[in-house]
Amino acid sequence: MAAKGTKPDRYAVVGHPVDHSRSPLIHQLFARQTGENITYELIDASPEEFEVAVRGFAAAGGKGLNITSPHKQAAFEISTER
């Protein structure tokens, strides 16, 4: 169980469009069931905005991203581990 007062780990899904995604609901329910303290966001980033959005998320302390259309190839190209 997460300790009270601890800052939640931040996660998100990045896509374009992404407003239809059920990922935040699903991940919040899983986190509640397992006692994890997380936030899970939607990040709508056009292909031109994708890399800046990913790097900004990481720089702000984001812990992990799910990537969906149309960004899968771009995510592979900027990944640091393969």
N, C-alpha and C. Protein backbone atom coordinates (compact mmCIF):
# COMPACT_ATOMS: atom_id res chain seq x y z
N MET A 1 0.84 -1.18 0.00
CA MET A 1 0.00 0.00 0.00
C MET A 1 0.89 1.24 0.00
N ALA A 2 0.54 2.23 -0.79
CA ALA A 2 1.31 3.47 -0.87
C ALA A 2 1.20 4.24 0.43
N ALA A 3 2.32 4.80 0.85
CA ALA A 3 2.33 5.60 2.07
C ALA A 3 1.60 6.91 1.84
N LYS A 4 0.85 7.36 2.84
CA LYS A 4 0.14 8.63 2.72
C LYS A 4 1.15 9.76 2.58
N GLY A 5 0.81 10.70 1.74
CA GLY A 5 1.66 11.86 1.56
C GLY A 5 2.77 11.66 0.54
N THR A 6 2.92 10.45 0.01
CA THR A 6 3.95 10.26 -1.01
C THR A 6 3.42 10.75 -2.35
N LYS A 7 4.32 11.30 -3.12
CA LYS A 7 3.95 11.82 -4.43
C LYS A 7 3.68 10.64 -5.38
N PRO A 8 2.58 10.69 -6.12
CA PRO A 8 2.28 9.57 -7.02
C PRO A 8 3.25 9.49 -8.19
N ASP A 9 3.52 8.28 -8.65
CA ASP A 9 4.27 8.09 -9.88
C ASP A 9 3.37 8.50 -11.03
N ARG A 10 3.96 9.14 -12.02
CA ARG A 10 3.19 9.71 -13.13
C ARG A 10 3.40 8.88 -14.39
N TYR A 11 2.29 8.46 -14.99
CA TYR A 11 2.29 7.69 -16.23
C TYR A 11 1.31 8.34 -17.21
N ALA A 12 1.43 7.97 -18.50
CA ALA A 12 0.53 8.55 -19.50
C ALA A 12 0.52 7.69 -20.76
N VAL A 13 -0.47 7.95 -21.59
CA VAL A 13 -0.50 7.42 -22.95
C VAL A 13 -0.39 8.62 -23.88
N VAL A 14 0.45 8.47 -24.92
CA VAL A 14 0.64 9.53 -25.91
C VAL A 14 0.11 9.03 -27.24
N GLY A 15 -0.73 9.84 -27.86
CA GLY A 15 -1.28 9.50 -29.17
C GLY A 15 -1.87 10.74 -29.81
N HIS A 16 -2.49 10.53 -30.98
CA HIS A 16 -3.14 11.65 -31.68
C HIS A 16 -4.14 11.09 -32.68
N PRO A 17 -5.40 11.14 -32.39
CA PRO A 17 -6.03 11.64 -31.18
C PRO A 17 -5.93 10.59 -30.07
N VAL A 18 -6.20 11.01 -28.86
CA VAL A 18 -6.08 10.10 -27.72
C VAL A 18 -7.25 10.24 -26.74
N ASP A 19 -8.13 11.18 -26.99
CA ASP A 19 -9.21 11.45 -26.03
C ASP A 19 -10.19 10.29 -25.85
N HIS A 20 -10.20 9.34 -26.74
CA HIS A 20 -11.08 8.18 -26.65
C HIS A 20 -10.51 7.06 -25.76
N SER A 21 -9.25 7.18 -25.38
CA SER A 21 -8.57 6.10 -24.67
C SER A 21 -9.17 5.83 -23.29
N ARG A 22 -9.29 4.58 -22.97
CA ARG A 22 -9.76 4.15 -21.64
C ARG A 22 -8.57 3.84 -20.73
N SER A 23 -7.35 4.04 -21.21
CA SER A 23 -6.16 3.71 -20.42
C SER A 23 -6.13 4.36 -19.04
N PRO A 24 -6.44 5.64 -18.90
CA PRO A 24 -6.40 6.21 -17.54
C PRO A 24 -7.32 5.48 -16.56
N LEU A 25 -8.52 5.18 -16.98
CA LEU A 25 -9.46 4.46 -16.12
C LEU A 25 -8.92 3.08 -15.76
N ILE A 26 -8.47 2.35 -16.76
CA ILE A 26 -7.97 0.99 -16.54
C ILE A 26 -6.78 1.00 -15.59
N HIS A 27 -5.81 1.88 -15.84
CA HIS A 27 -4.61 1.90 -15.00
C HIS A 27 -4.89 2.39 -13.59
N GLN A 28 -5.80 3.34 -13.44
CA GLN A 28 -6.17 3.79 -12.10
C GLN A 28 -6.84 2.66 -11.32
N LEU A 29 -7.69 1.88 -11.97
CA LEU A 29 -8.33 0.75 -11.29
C LEU A 29 -7.31 -0.31 -10.89
N PHE A 30 -6.38 -0.63 -11.78
CA PHE A 30 -5.31 -1.58 -11.43
C PHE A 30 -4.49 -1.06 -10.26
N ALA A 31 -4.16 0.22 -10.28
CA ALA A 31 -3.35 0.81 -9.21
C ALA A 31 -4.09 0.72 -7.88
N ARG A 32 -5.36 1.02 -7.89
CA ARG A 32 -6.15 0.94 -6.66
C ARG A 32 -6.18 -0.50 -6.13
N GLN A 33 -6.33 -1.47 -7.02
CA GLN A 33 -6.38 -2.87 -6.61
C GLN A 33 -5.06 -3.35 -6.01
N THR A 34 -3.96 -2.78 -6.48
CA THR A 34 -2.63 -3.23 -6.02
C THR A 34 -2.01 -2.29 -5.01
N GLY A 35 -2.70 -1.21 -4.66
CA GLY A 35 -2.19 -0.28 -3.66
C GLY A 35 -1.09 0.64 -4.16
N GLU A 36 -1.00 0.81 -5.48
CA GLU A 36 0.00 1.70 -6.06
C GLU A 36 -0.53 3.13 -6.08
N ASN A 37 0.37 4.08 -5.93
CA ASN A 37 0.03 5.50 -5.93
C ASN A 37 0.48 6.10 -7.27
N ILE A 38 -0.45 6.22 -8.22
CA ILE A 38 -0.09 6.71 -9.55
C ILE A 38 -1.10 7.75 -10.04
N THR A 39 -0.65 8.50 -11.04
CA THR A 39 -1.56 9.26 -11.90
C THR A 39 -1.33 8.72 -13.30
N TYR A 40 -2.36 8.78 -14.12
CA TYR A 40 -2.26 8.29 -15.50
C TYR A 40 -3.02 9.26 -16.38
N GLU A 41 -2.30 9.87 -17.32
CA GLU A 41 -2.84 10.98 -18.11
C GLU A 41 -2.97 10.61 -19.58
N LEU A 42 -3.71 11.43 -20.28
CA LEU A 42 -3.76 11.41 -21.74
C LEU A 42 -2.91 12.57 -22.24
N ILE A 43 -2.02 12.29 -23.18
CA ILE A 43 -1.24 13.36 -23.81
C ILE A 43 -1.52 13.29 -25.31
N ASP A 44 -2.23 14.29 -25.81
CA ASP A 44 -2.53 14.37 -27.23
C ASP A 44 -1.42 15.20 -27.88
N ALA A 45 -0.60 14.54 -28.68
CA ALA A 45 0.52 15.21 -29.33
C ALA A 45 0.49 14.88 -30.81
N SER A 46 0.50 15.91 -31.64
CA SER A 46 0.58 15.69 -33.09
C SER A 46 1.94 15.09 -33.40
N PRO A 47 2.11 14.52 -34.60
CA PRO A 47 3.43 14.00 -34.94
C PRO A 47 4.55 15.04 -34.80
N GLU A 48 4.23 16.28 -35.08
CA GLU A 48 5.25 17.34 -34.96
C GLU A 48 5.58 17.65 -33.50
N GLU A 49 4.67 17.38 -32.60
CA GLU A 49 4.85 17.67 -31.17
C GLU A 49 5.33 16.47 -30.36
N PHE A 50 5.36 15.31 -30.98
CA PHE A 50 5.59 14.07 -30.23
C PHE A 50 6.89 14.07 -29.42
N GLU A 51 8.01 14.31 -30.07
CA GLU A 51 9.29 14.21 -29.36
C GLU A 51 9.37 15.20 -28.20
N VAL A 52 8.92 16.42 -28.42
CA VAL A 52 8.93 17.43 -27.36
C VAL A 52 8.04 16.99 -26.20
N ALA A 53 6.88 16.41 -26.51
CA ALA A 53 5.97 15.94 -25.46
C ALA A 53 6.61 14.83 -24.64
N VAL A 54 7.25 13.88 -25.30
CA VAL A 54 7.89 12.76 -24.59
C VAL A 54 9.04 13.26 -23.73
N ARG A 55 9.89 14.08 -24.29
CA ARG A 55 11.04 14.58 -23.52
C ARG A 55 10.58 15.46 -22.36
N GLY A 56 9.54 16.26 -22.57
CA GLY A 56 9.01 17.09 -21.49
C GLY A 56 8.42 16.25 -20.37
N PHE A 57 7.72 15.18 -20.72
CA PHE A 57 7.14 14.28 -19.73
C PHE A 57 8.25 13.66 -18.89
N ALA A 58 9.30 13.18 -19.54
CA ALA A 58 10.42 12.57 -18.81
C ALA A 58 11.13 13.59 -17.94
N ALA A 59 11.36 14.78 -18.47
CA ALA A 59 12.06 15.83 -17.71
C ALA A 59 11.27 16.26 -16.48
N ALA A 60 9.96 16.14 -16.54
CA ALA A 60 9.10 16.52 -15.41
C ALA A 60 8.93 15.37 -14.42
N GLY A 61 9.68 14.29 -14.60
CA GLY A 61 9.64 13.19 -13.65
C GLY A 61 8.70 12.06 -13.99
N GLY A 62 8.16 12.07 -15.22
CA GLY A 62 7.27 10.98 -15.63
C GLY A 62 7.98 9.64 -15.56
N LYS A 63 7.28 8.62 -15.12
CA LYS A 63 7.87 7.29 -14.93
C LYS A 63 7.72 6.38 -16.13
N GLY A 64 6.65 6.54 -16.92
CA GLY A 64 6.46 5.64 -18.04
C GLY A 64 5.35 6.10 -18.96
N LEU A 65 5.51 5.74 -20.23
CA LEU A 65 4.54 6.11 -21.26
C LEU A 65 4.09 4.89 -22.03
N ASN A 66 2.84 4.87 -22.39
CA ASN A 66 2.34 3.98 -23.42
C ASN A 66 2.22 4.83 -24.68
N ILE A 67 2.59 4.25 -25.80
CA ILE A 67 2.59 4.98 -27.07
C ILE A 67 1.58 4.32 -27.99
N THR A 68 0.74 5.14 -28.61
CA THR A 68 -0.24 4.62 -29.56
C THR A 68 -0.15 5.41 -30.86
N SER A 69 -1.02 5.10 -31.79
CA SER A 69 -1.00 5.71 -33.11
C SER A 69 -1.06 7.23 -33.01
N PRO A 70 -0.35 7.89 -33.87
CA PRO A 70 0.50 7.41 -34.96
C PRO A 70 1.99 7.40 -34.60
N HIS A 71 2.33 7.23 -33.33
CA HIS A 71 3.69 7.52 -32.85
C HIS A 71 4.60 6.32 -32.61
N LYS A 72 4.21 5.12 -32.94
CA LYS A 72 5.03 3.96 -32.59
C LYS A 72 6.41 4.00 -33.24
N GLN A 73 6.49 4.31 -34.52
CA GLN A 73 7.79 4.36 -35.19
C GLN A 73 8.65 5.49 -34.63
N ALA A 74 8.05 6.65 -34.40
CA ALA A 74 8.80 7.77 -33.82
C ALA A 74 9.33 7.42 -32.44
N ALA A 75 8.54 6.70 -31.65
CA ALA A 75 8.99 6.29 -30.31
C ALA A 75 10.20 5.37 -30.43
N PHE A 76 10.17 4.46 -31.37
CA PHE A 76 11.31 3.57 -31.58
C PHE A 76 12.54 4.37 -31.96
N GLU A 77 12.37 5.34 -32.83
CA GLU A 77 13.51 6.13 -33.31
C GLU A 77 14.16 6.97 -32.23
N ILE A 78 13.40 7.42 -31.22
CA ILE A 78 14.01 8.25 -30.17
C ILE A 78 14.32 7.45 -28.91
N SER A 79 14.01 6.16 -28.92
CA SER A 79 14.28 5.37 -27.71
C SER A 79 15.78 5.24 -27.48
N THR A 80 16.15 5.15 -26.22
CA THR A 80 17.57 5.04 -25.86
C THR A 80 17.98 3.60 -25.62
N GLU A 81 17.02 2.71 -25.43
CA GLU A 81 17.30 1.29 -25.27
C GLU A 81 16.48 0.54 -26.30
N ARG A 82 17.11 -0.46 -26.93
CA ARG A 82 16.39 -1.23 -27.96
C ARG A 82 16.54 -2.70 -27.69
